[in-house]
Amino acid sequence: MSALDRLDTATADTLRLVLGRRAPDVLKALAETEDPPTELRERVGRAMQIEFSGEVSGPDWEPSPHGVRVDDALGWFYASFPVERP
């Protein structure tokens, strides 16, 4: 099982789409691990933020659909792989 298999379908699809374009090496690393280390989680976050950095228009409280999508995907991703495990 890879880290992508542990995510809900929408989140996994968003990560595959963005990382496939922006950071294929990060996507490959994510697909090869079940529990991504902190460094890999940070690389996923940076790639997602860079991909969508030009897509947010208007005030911060009015993100574009791309901004909402990346926020939701990163939220689910980080919630699925918390830094501290019980």
PDB file of N, CA and C in Angstrom:
ATOM      1  N   MET A   1       0.857  -1.181   0.000  1.00  0.00           N
ATOM      2  CA  MET A   1       0.000   0.000   0.000  1.00  0.00           C
ATOM      3  C   MET A   1       0.899   1.238   0.000  1.00  0.00           C
ATOM      4  N   SER A   2       0.571   2.195  -0.836  1.00  0.00           N
ATOM      5  CA  SER A   2       1.327   3.445  -0.868  1.00  0.00           C
ATOM      6  C   SER A   2       0.571   4.514  -0.093  1.00  0.00           C
ATOM      7  N   ALA A   3       1.251   5.603   0.156  1.00  0.00           N
ATOM      8  CA  ALA A   3       0.629   6.719   0.864  1.00  0.00           C
ATOM      9  C   ALA A   3      -0.597   7.218   0.099  1.00  0.00           C
ATOM     10  N   LEU A   4      -0.543   7.190  -1.225  1.00  0.00           N
ATOM     11  CA  LEU A   4      -1.671   7.658  -2.030  1.00  0.00           C
ATOM     12  C   LEU A   4      -2.905   6.778  -1.851  1.00  0.00           C
ATOM     13  N   ASP A   5      -2.676   5.478  -1.629  1.00  0.00           N
ATOM     14  CA  ASP A   5      -3.797   4.552  -1.433  1.00  0.00           C
ATOM     15  C   ASP A   5      -4.534   4.809  -0.121  1.00  0.00           C
ATOM     16  N   ARG A   6      -3.885   5.468   0.817  1.00  0.00           N
ATOM     17  CA  ARG A   6      -4.497   5.735   2.118  1.00  0.00           C
ATOM     18  C   ARG A   6      -5.378   6.987   2.104  1.00  0.00           C
ATOM     19  N   LEU A   7      -5.315   7.755   1.026  1.00  0.00           N
ATOM     20  CA  LEU A   7      -6.067   9.007   0.944  1.00  0.00           C
ATOM     21  C   LEU A   7      -7.418   8.793   0.280  1.00  0.00           C
ATOM     22  N   ASP A   8      -8.342   9.739   0.524  1.00  0.00           N
ATOM     23  CA  ASP A   8      -9.616   9.666  -0.198  1.00  0.00           C
ATOM     24  C   ASP A   8      -9.343   9.923  -1.676  1.00  0.00           C
ATOM     25  N   THR A   9     -10.244   9.493  -2.527  1.00  0.00           N
ATOM     26  CA  THR A   9     -10.036   9.525  -3.977  1.00  0.00           C
ATOM     27  C   THR A   9      -9.766  10.925  -4.510  1.00  0.00           C
ATOM     28  N   ALA A  10     -10.539  11.919  -4.074  1.00  0.00           N
ATOM     29  CA  ALA A  10     -10.370  13.280  -4.582  1.00  0.00           C
ATOM     30  C   ALA A  10      -8.993  13.835  -4.223  1.00  0.00           C
ATOM     31  N   THR A  11      -8.568  13.593  -2.986  1.00  0.00           N
ATOM     32  CA  THR A  11      -7.253  14.077  -2.562  1.00  0.00           C
ATOM     33  C   THR A  11      -6.145  13.384  -3.338  1.00  0.00           C
ATOM     34  N   ALA A  12      -6.226  12.063  -3.462  1.00  0.00           N
ATOM     35  CA  ALA A  12      -5.201  11.314  -4.194  1.00  0.00           C
ATOM     36  C   ALA A  12      -5.139  11.762  -5.651  1.00  0.00           C
ATOM     37  N   ASP A  13      -6.302  11.969  -6.274  1.00  0.00           N
ATOM     38  CA  ASP A  13      -6.327  12.414  -7.672  1.00  0.00           C
ATOM     39  C   ASP A  13      -5.702  13.794  -7.832  1.00  0.00           C
ATOM     40  N   THR A  14      -6.008  14.703  -6.901  1.00  0.00           N
ATOM     41  CA  THR A  14      -5.428  16.053  -6.960  1.00  0.00           C
ATOM     42  C   THR A  14      -3.920  15.987  -6.813  1.00  0.00           C
ATOM     43  N   LEU A  15      -3.441  15.207  -5.839  1.00  0.00           N
ATOM     44  CA  LEU A  15      -1.994  15.087  -5.643  1.00  0.00           C
ATOM     45  C   LEU A  15      -1.322  14.463  -6.865  1.00  0.00           C
ATOM     46  N   ARG A  16      -1.915  13.420  -7.439  1.00  0.00           N
ATOM     47  CA  ARG A  16      -1.327  12.794  -8.623  1.00  0.00           C
ATOM     48  C   ARG A  16      -1.246  13.782  -9.791  1.00  0.00           C
ATOM     49  N   LEU A  17      -2.322  14.531 -10.001  1.00  0.00           N
ATOM     50  CA  LEU A  17      -2.365  15.494 -11.097  1.00  0.00           C
ATOM     51  C   LEU A  17      -1.298  16.574 -10.932  1.00  0.00           C
ATOM     52  N   VAL A  18      -1.264  17.188  -9.743  1.00  0.00           N
ATOM     53  CA  VAL A  18      -0.340  18.297  -9.515  1.00  0.00           C
ATOM     54  C   VAL A  18       1.101  17.816  -9.469  1.00  0.00           C
ATOM     55  N   LEU A  19       1.359  16.773  -8.704  1.00  0.00           N
ATOM     56  CA  LEU A  19       2.737  16.310  -8.579  1.00  0.00           C
ATOM     57  C   LEU A  19       3.242  15.707  -9.884  1.00  0.00           C
ATOM     58  N   GLY A  20       2.355  15.120 -10.666  1.00  0.00           N
ATOM     59  CA  GLY A  20       2.760  14.596 -11.968  1.00  0.00           C
ATOM     60  C   GLY A  20       3.275  15.686 -12.880  1.00  0.00           C
ATOM     61  N   ARG A  21       2.683  16.885 -12.772  1.00  0.00           N
ATOM     62  CA  ARG A  21       3.128  18.035 -13.582  1.00  0.00           C
ATOM     63  C   ARG A  21       4.298  18.752 -12.935  1.00  0.00           C
ATOM     64  N   ARG A  22       4.200  18.974 -11.641  1.00  0.00           N
ATOM     65  CA  ARG A  22       5.127  19.869 -10.954  1.00  0.00           C
ATOM     66  C   ARG A  22       6.351  19.147 -10.393  1.00  0.00           C
ATOM     67  N   ALA A  23       6.169  17.949  -9.854  1.00  0.00           N
ATOM     68  CA  ALA A  23       7.263  17.289  -9.148  1.00  0.00           C
ATOM     69  C   ALA A  23       7.140  15.764  -9.264  1.00  0.00           C
ATOM     70  N   PRO A  24       7.423  15.230 -10.449  1.00  0.00           N
ATOM     71  CA  PRO A  24       7.263  13.783 -10.628  1.00  0.00           C
ATOM     72  C   PRO A  24       8.096  12.956  -9.651  1.00  0.00           C
ATOM     73  N   ASP A  25       9.262  13.474  -9.253  1.00  0.00           N
ATOM     74  CA  ASP A  25      10.099  12.742  -8.298  1.00  0.00           C
ATOM     75  C   ASP A  25       9.416  12.635  -6.935  1.00  0.00           C
ATOM     76  N   VAL A  26       8.691  13.682  -6.545  1.00  0.00           N
ATOM     77  CA  VAL A  26       7.957  13.658  -5.275  1.00  0.00           C
ATOM     78  C   VAL A  26       6.801  12.662  -5.368  1.00  0.00           C
ATOM     79  N   LEU A  27       6.106  12.660  -6.497  1.00  0.00           N
ATOM     80  CA  LEU A  27       5.009  11.711  -6.696  1.00  0.00           C
ATOM     81  C   LEU A  27       5.530  10.282  -6.622  1.00  0.00           C
ATOM     82  N   LYS A  28       6.661  10.016  -7.257  1.00  0.00           N
ATOM     83  CA  LYS A  28       7.249   8.674  -7.230  1.00  0.00           C
ATOM     84  C   LYS A  28       7.606   8.276  -5.798  1.00  0.00           C
ATOM     85  N   ALA A  29       8.225   9.183  -5.049  1.00  0.00           N
ATOM     86  CA  ALA A  29       8.597   8.886  -3.669  1.00  0.00           C
ATOM     87  C   ALA A  29       7.358   8.632  -2.809  1.00  0.00           C
ATOM     88  N   LEU A  30       6.307   9.407  -3.052  1.00  0.00           N
ATOM     89  CA  LEU A  30       5.067   9.245  -2.291  1.00  0.00           C
ATOM     90  C   LEU A  30       4.416   7.900  -2.602  1.00  0.00           C
ATOM     91  N   ALA A  31       4.503   7.477  -3.849  1.00  0.00           N
ATOM     92  CA  ALA A  31       3.911   6.207  -4.255  1.00  0.00           C
ATOM     93  C   ALA A  31       4.704   5.005  -3.755  1.00  0.00           C
ATOM     94  N   GLU A  32       5.932   5.245  -3.306  1.00  0.00           N
ATOM     95  CA  GLU A  32       6.790   4.149  -2.854  1.00  0.00           C
ATOM     96  C   GLU A  32       6.842   4.005  -1.335  1.00  0.00           C
ATOM     97  N   THR A  33       6.127   4.847  -0.615  1.00  0.00           N
ATOM     98  CA  THR A  33       6.141   4.760   0.837  1.00  0.00           C
ATOM     99  C   THR A  33       4.731   4.705   1.384  1.00  0.00           C
ATOM    100  N   GLU A  34       4.580   4.047   2.492  1.00  0.00           N
ATOM    101  CA  GLU A  34       3.267   4.003   3.137  1.00  0.00           C
ATOM    102  C   GLU A  34       3.109   5.147   4.129  1.00  0.00           C
ATOM    103  N   ASP A  35       4.217   5.554   4.741  1.00  0.00           N
ATOM    104  CA  ASP A  35       4.186   6.595   5.769  1.00  0.00           C
ATOM    105  C   ASP A  35       5.261   7.629   5.441  1.00  0.00           C
ATOM    106  N   PRO A  36       4.908   8.677   4.679  1.00  0.00           N
ATOM    107  CA  PRO A  36       5.922   9.622   4.222  1.00  0.00           C
ATOM    108  C   PRO A  36       6.595  10.351   5.385  1.00  0.00           C
ATOM    109  N   PRO A  37       7.925  10.469   5.347  1.00  0.00           N
ATOM    110  CA  PRO A  37       8.628  11.220   6.385  1.00  0.00           C
ATOM    111  C   PRO A  37       8.325  12.711   6.275  1.00  0.00           C
ATOM    112  N   THR A  38       8.682  13.440   7.298  1.00  0.00           N
ATOM    113  CA  THR A  38       8.393  14.878   7.357  1.00  0.00           C
ATOM    114  C   THR A  38       8.932  15.608   6.133  1.00  0.00           C
ATOM    115  N   GLU A  39      10.155  15.294   5.708  1.00  0.00           N
ATOM    116  CA  GLU A  39      10.743  15.975   4.549  1.00  0.00           C
ATOM    117  C   GLU A  39       9.900  15.775   3.297  1.00  0.00           C
ATOM    118  N   LEU A  40       9.405  14.568   3.096  1.00  0.00           N
ATOM    119  CA  LEU A  40       8.576  14.294   1.915  1.00  0.00           C
ATOM    120  C   LEU A  40       7.243  15.019   2.021  1.00  0.00           C
ATOM    121  N   ARG A  41       6.651  15.058   3.204  1.00  0.00           N
ATOM    122  CA  ARG A  41       5.391  15.813   3.384  1.00  0.00           C
ATOM    123  C   ARG A  41       5.608  17.284   3.054  1.00  0.00           C
ATOM    124  N   GLU A  42       6.749  17.841   3.478  1.00  0.00           N
ATOM    125  CA  GLU A  42       7.040  19.246   3.190  1.00  0.00           C
ATOM    126  C   GLU A  42       7.223  19.475   1.697  1.00  0.00           C
ATOM    127  N   ARG A  43       7.859  18.526   1.000  1.00  0.00           N
ATOM    128  CA  ARG A  43       8.052  18.663  -0.438  1.00  0.00           C
ATOM    129  C   ARG A  43       6.715  18.607  -1.178  1.00  0.00           C
ATOM    130  N   VAL A  44       5.798  17.763  -0.720  1.00  0.00           N
ATOM    131  CA  VAL A  44       4.452  17.718  -1.303  1.00  0.00           C
ATOM    132  C   VAL A  44       3.785  19.083  -1.126  1.00  0.00           C
ATOM    133  N   GLY A  45       3.829  19.621   0.080  1.00  0.00           N
ATOM    134  CA  GLY A  45       3.206  20.916   0.360  1.00  0.00           C
ATOM    135  C   GLY A  45       3.783  22.030  -0.491  1.00  0.00           C
ATOM    136  N   ARG A  46       5.104  22.064  -0.633  1.00  0.00           N
ATOM    137  CA  ARG A  46       5.741  23.110  -1.450  1.00  0.00           C
ATOM    138  C   ARG A  46       5.340  22.987  -2.910  1.00  0.00           C
ATOM    139  N   ALA A  47       5.341  21.763  -3.436  1.00  0.00           N
ATOM    140  CA  ALA A  47       4.970  21.563  -4.841  1.00  0.00           C
ATOM    141  C   ALA A  47       3.535  22.010  -5.086  1.00  0.00           C
ATOM    142  N   MET A  48       2.630  21.667  -4.170  1.00  0.00           N
ATOM    143  CA  MET A  48       1.230  22.061  -4.321  1.00  0.00           C
ATOM    144  C   MET A  48       1.086  23.575  -4.254  1.00  0.00           C
ATOM    145  N   GLN A  49       1.765  24.211  -3.324  1.00  0.00           N
ATOM    146  CA  GLN A  49       1.643  25.656  -3.177  1.00  0.00           C
ATOM    147  C   GLN A  49       2.222  26.392  -4.374  1.00  0.00           C
ATOM    148  N   ILE A  50       3.352  25.911  -4.902  1.00  0.00           N
ATOM    149  CA  ILE A  50       3.953  26.532  -6.088  1.00  0.00           C
ATOM    150  C   ILE A  50       3.018  26.391  -7.282  1.00  0.00           C
ATOM    151  N   GLU A  51       2.445  25.210  -7.452  1.00  0.00           N
ATOM    152  CA  GLU A  51       1.551  24.962  -8.588  1.00  0.00           C
ATOM    153  C   GLU A  51       0.383  25.937  -8.597  1.00  0.00           C
ATOM    154  N   PHE A  52      -0.142  26.234  -7.421  1.00  0.00           N
ATOM    155  CA  PHE A  52      -1.341  27.061  -7.351  1.00  0.00           C
ATOM    156  C   PHE A  52      -1.082  28.493  -6.910  1.00  0.00           C
ATOM    157  N   SER A  53       0.177  28.895  -6.800  1.00  0.00           N
ATOM    158  CA  SER A  53       0.484  30.220  -6.260  1.00  0.00           C
ATOM    159  C   SER A  53      -0.105  31.354  -7.092  1.00  0.00           C
ATOM    160  N   GLY A  54      -0.215  31.178  -8.399  1.00  0.00           N
ATOM    161  CA  GLY A  54      -0.758  32.224  -9.249  1.00  0.00           C
ATOM    162  C   GLY A  54      -2.251  32.126  -9.473  1.00  0.00           C
ATOM    163  N   GLU A  55      -2.893  31.163  -8.825  1.00  0.00           N
ATOM    164  CA  GLU A  55      -4.302  30.909  -9.099  1.00  0.00           C
ATOM    165  C   GLU A  55      -5.258  31.599  -8.138  1.00  0.00           C
ATOM    166  N   VAL A  56      -4.733  32.152  -7.050  1.00  0.00           N
ATOM    167  CA  VAL A  56      -5.611  32.779  -6.061  1.00  0.00           C
ATOM    168  C   VAL A  56      -5.800  34.236  -6.444  1.00  0.00           C
ATOM    169  N   SER A  57      -7.048  34.641  -6.579  1.00  0.00           N
ATOM    170  CA  SER A  57      -7.329  36.018  -6.951  1.00  0.00           C
ATOM    171  C   SER A  57      -8.181  36.668  -5.879  1.00  0.00           C
ATOM    172  N   GLY A  58      -8.092  37.975  -5.801  1.00  0.00           N
ATOM    173  CA  GLY A  58      -8.891  38.703  -4.814  1.00  0.00           C
ATOM    174  C   GLY A  58      -8.294  38.597  -3.426  1.00  0.00           C
ATOM    175  N   PRO A  59      -9.046  39.044  -2.443  1.00  0.00           N
ATOM    176  CA  PRO A  59      -8.554  38.999  -1.055  1.00  0.00           C
ATOM    177  C   PRO A  59      -8.306  37.565  -0.597  1.00  0.00           C
ATOM    178  N   ASP A  60      -7.519  37.422   0.458  1.00  0.00           N
ATOM    179  CA  ASP A  60      -7.164  36.098   0.969  1.00  0.00           C
ATOM    180  C   ASP A  60      -8.381  35.262   1.320  1.00  0.00           C
ATOM    181  N   TRP A  61      -9.469  35.915   1.723  1.00  0.00           N
ATOM    182  CA  TRP A  61     -10.652  35.156   2.130  1.00  0.00           C
ATOM    183  C   TRP A  61     -11.519  34.748   0.952  1.00  0.00           C
ATOM    184  N   GLU A  62     -11.106  35.070  -0.259  1.00  0.00           N
ATOM    185  CA  GLU A  62     -11.842  34.682  -1.451  1.00  0.00           C
ATOM    186  C   GLU A  62     -10.935  33.915  -2.410  1.00  0.00           C
ATOM    187  N   PRO A  63     -10.513  32.711  -2.026  1.00  0.00           N
ATOM    188  CA  PRO A  63      -9.629  31.955  -2.920  1.00  0.00           C
ATOM    189  C   PRO A  63     -10.359  31.484  -4.171  1.00  0.00           C
ATOM    190  N   SER A  64      -9.585  31.260  -5.208  1.00  0.00           N
ATOM    191  CA  SER A  64     -10.158  30.687  -6.432  1.00  0.00           C
ATOM    192  C   SER A  64     -10.508  29.231  -6.180  1.00  0.00           C
ATOM    193  N   PRO A  65     -11.239  28.581  -7.098  1.00  0.00           N
ATOM    194  CA  PRO A  65     -11.505  27.149  -6.939  1.00  0.00           C
ATOM    195  C   PRO A  65     -10.218  26.330  -6.798  1.00  0.00           C
ATOM    196  N   HIS A  66      -9.162  26.758  -7.492  1.00  0.00           N
ATOM    197  CA  HIS A  66      -7.889  26.044  -7.361  1.00  0.00           C
ATOM    198  C   HIS A  66      -7.322  26.202  -5.961  1.00  0.00           C
ATOM    199  N   GLY A  67      -7.469  27.382  -5.385  1.00  0.00           N
ATOM    200  CA  GLY A  67      -6.970  27.613  -4.030  1.00  0.00           C
ATOM    201  C   GLY A  67      -7.690  26.745  -3.020  1.00  0.00           C
ATOM    202  N   VAL A  68      -8.997  26.646  -3.149  1.00  0.00           N
ATOM    203  CA  VAL A  68      -9.782  25.801  -2.243  1.00  0.00           C
ATOM    204  C   VAL A  68      -9.384  24.341  -2.437  1.00  0.00           C
ATOM    205  N   ARG A  69      -9.219  23.938  -3.678  1.00  0.00           N
ATOM    206  CA  ARG A  69      -8.866  22.546  -3.962  1.00  0.00           C
ATOM    207  C   ARG A  69      -7.522  22.179  -3.342  1.00  0.00           C
ATOM    208  N   VAL A  70      -6.534  23.050  -3.498  1.00  0.00           N
ATOM    209  CA  VAL A  70      -5.219  22.732  -2.937  1.00  0.00           C
ATOM    210  C   VAL A  70      -5.273  22.755  -1.416  1.00  0.00           C
ATOM    211  N   ASP A  71      -6.008  23.689  -0.840  1.00  0.00           N
ATOM    212  CA  ASP A  71      -6.136  23.724   0.624  1.00  0.00           C
ATOM    213  C   ASP A  71      -6.789  22.451   1.143  1.00  0.00           C
ATOM    214  N   ASP A  72      -7.849  22.025   0.494  1.00  0.00           N
ATOM    215  CA  ASP A  72      -8.539  20.809   0.922  1.00  0.00           C
ATOM    216  C   ASP A  72      -7.640  19.582   0.775  1.00  0.00           C
ATOM    217  N   ALA A  73      -6.945  19.481  -0.351  1.00  0.00           N
ATOM    218  CA  ALA A  73      -6.082  18.322  -0.581  1.00  0.00           C
ATOM    219  C   ALA A  73      -4.949  18.279   0.435  1.00  0.00           C
ATOM    220  N   LEU A  74      -4.329  19.431   0.678  1.00  0.00           N
ATOM    221  CA  LEU A  74      -3.236  19.446   1.658  1.00  0.00           C
ATOM    222  C   LEU A  74      -3.757  19.170   3.060  1.00  0.00           C
ATOM    223  N   GLY A  75      -4.928  19.691   3.379  1.00  0.00           N
ATOM    224  CA  GLY A  75      -5.520  19.425   4.692  1.00  0.00           C
ATOM    225  C   GLY A  75      -5.733  17.938   4.923  1.00  0.00           C
ATOM    226  N   TRP A  76      -6.327  17.269   3.928  1.00  0.00           N
ATOM    227  CA  TRP A  76      -6.549  15.820   4.037  1.00  0.00           C
ATOM    228  C   TRP A  76      -5.232  15.066   4.079  1.00  0.00           C
ATOM    229  N   PHE A  77      -4.276  15.505   3.285  1.00  0.00           N
ATOM    230  CA  PHE A  77      -2.974  14.837   3.242  1.00  0.00           C
ATOM    231  C   PHE A  77      -2.293  14.917   4.610  1.00  0.00           C
ATOM    232  N   TYR A  78      -2.217  16.118   5.174  1.00  0.00           N
ATOM    233  CA  TYR A  78      -1.551  16.286   6.468  1.00  0.00           C
ATOM    234  C   TYR A  78      -2.317  15.588   7.592  1.00  0.00           C
ATOM    235  N   ALA A  79      -3.633  15.566   7.524  1.00  0.00           N
ATOM    236  CA  ALA A  79      -4.419  14.889   8.537  1.00  0.00           C
ATOM    237  C   ALA A  79      -4.208  13.373   8.479  1.00  0.00           C
ATOM    238  N   SER A  80      -3.957  12.866   7.284  1.00  0.00           N
ATOM    239  CA  SER A  80      -3.745  11.431   7.107  1.00  0.00           C
ATOM    240  C   SER A  80      -2.376  10.979   7.595  1.00  0.00           C
ATOM    241  N   PHE A  81      -1.422  11.908   7.630  1.00  0.00           N
ATOM    242  CA  PHE A  81      -0.055  11.578   8.040  1.00  0.00           C
ATOM    243  C   PHE A  81       0.416  12.583   9.096  1.00  0.00           C
ATOM    244  N   PRO A  82      -0.153  12.521  10.290  1.00  0.00           N
ATOM    245  CA  PRO A  82       0.260  13.478  11.327  1.00  0.00           C
ATOM    246  C   PRO A  82       1.730  13.280  11.694  1.00  0.00           C
ATOM    247  N   VAL A  83       2.358  14.373  12.097  1.00  0.00           N
ATOM    248  CA  VAL A  83       3.769  14.312  12.460  1.00  0.00           C
ATOM    249  C   VAL A  83       3.945  13.422  13.692  1.00  0.00           C
ATOM    250  N   GLU A  84       3.064  13.567  14.652  1.00  0.00           N
ATOM    251  CA  GLU A  84       3.145  12.774  15.876  1.00  0.00           C
ATOM    252  C   GLU A  84       2.131  11.655  15.811  1.00  0.00           C
ATOM    253  N   ARG A  85       2.591  10.433  15.992  1.00  0.00           N
ATOM    254  CA  ARG A  85       1.707   9.286  16.006  1.00  0.00           C
ATOM    255  C   ARG A  85       1.374   8.926  17.449  1.00  0.00           C
ATOM    256  N   PRO A  86       0.123   8.483  17.710  1.00  0.00           N
ATOM    257  CA  PRO A  86      -0.207   8.077  19.095  1.00  0.00           C
ATOM    258  C   PRO A  86       0.543   6.829  19.503  1.00  0.00           C
TER     259      PRO A  86
END
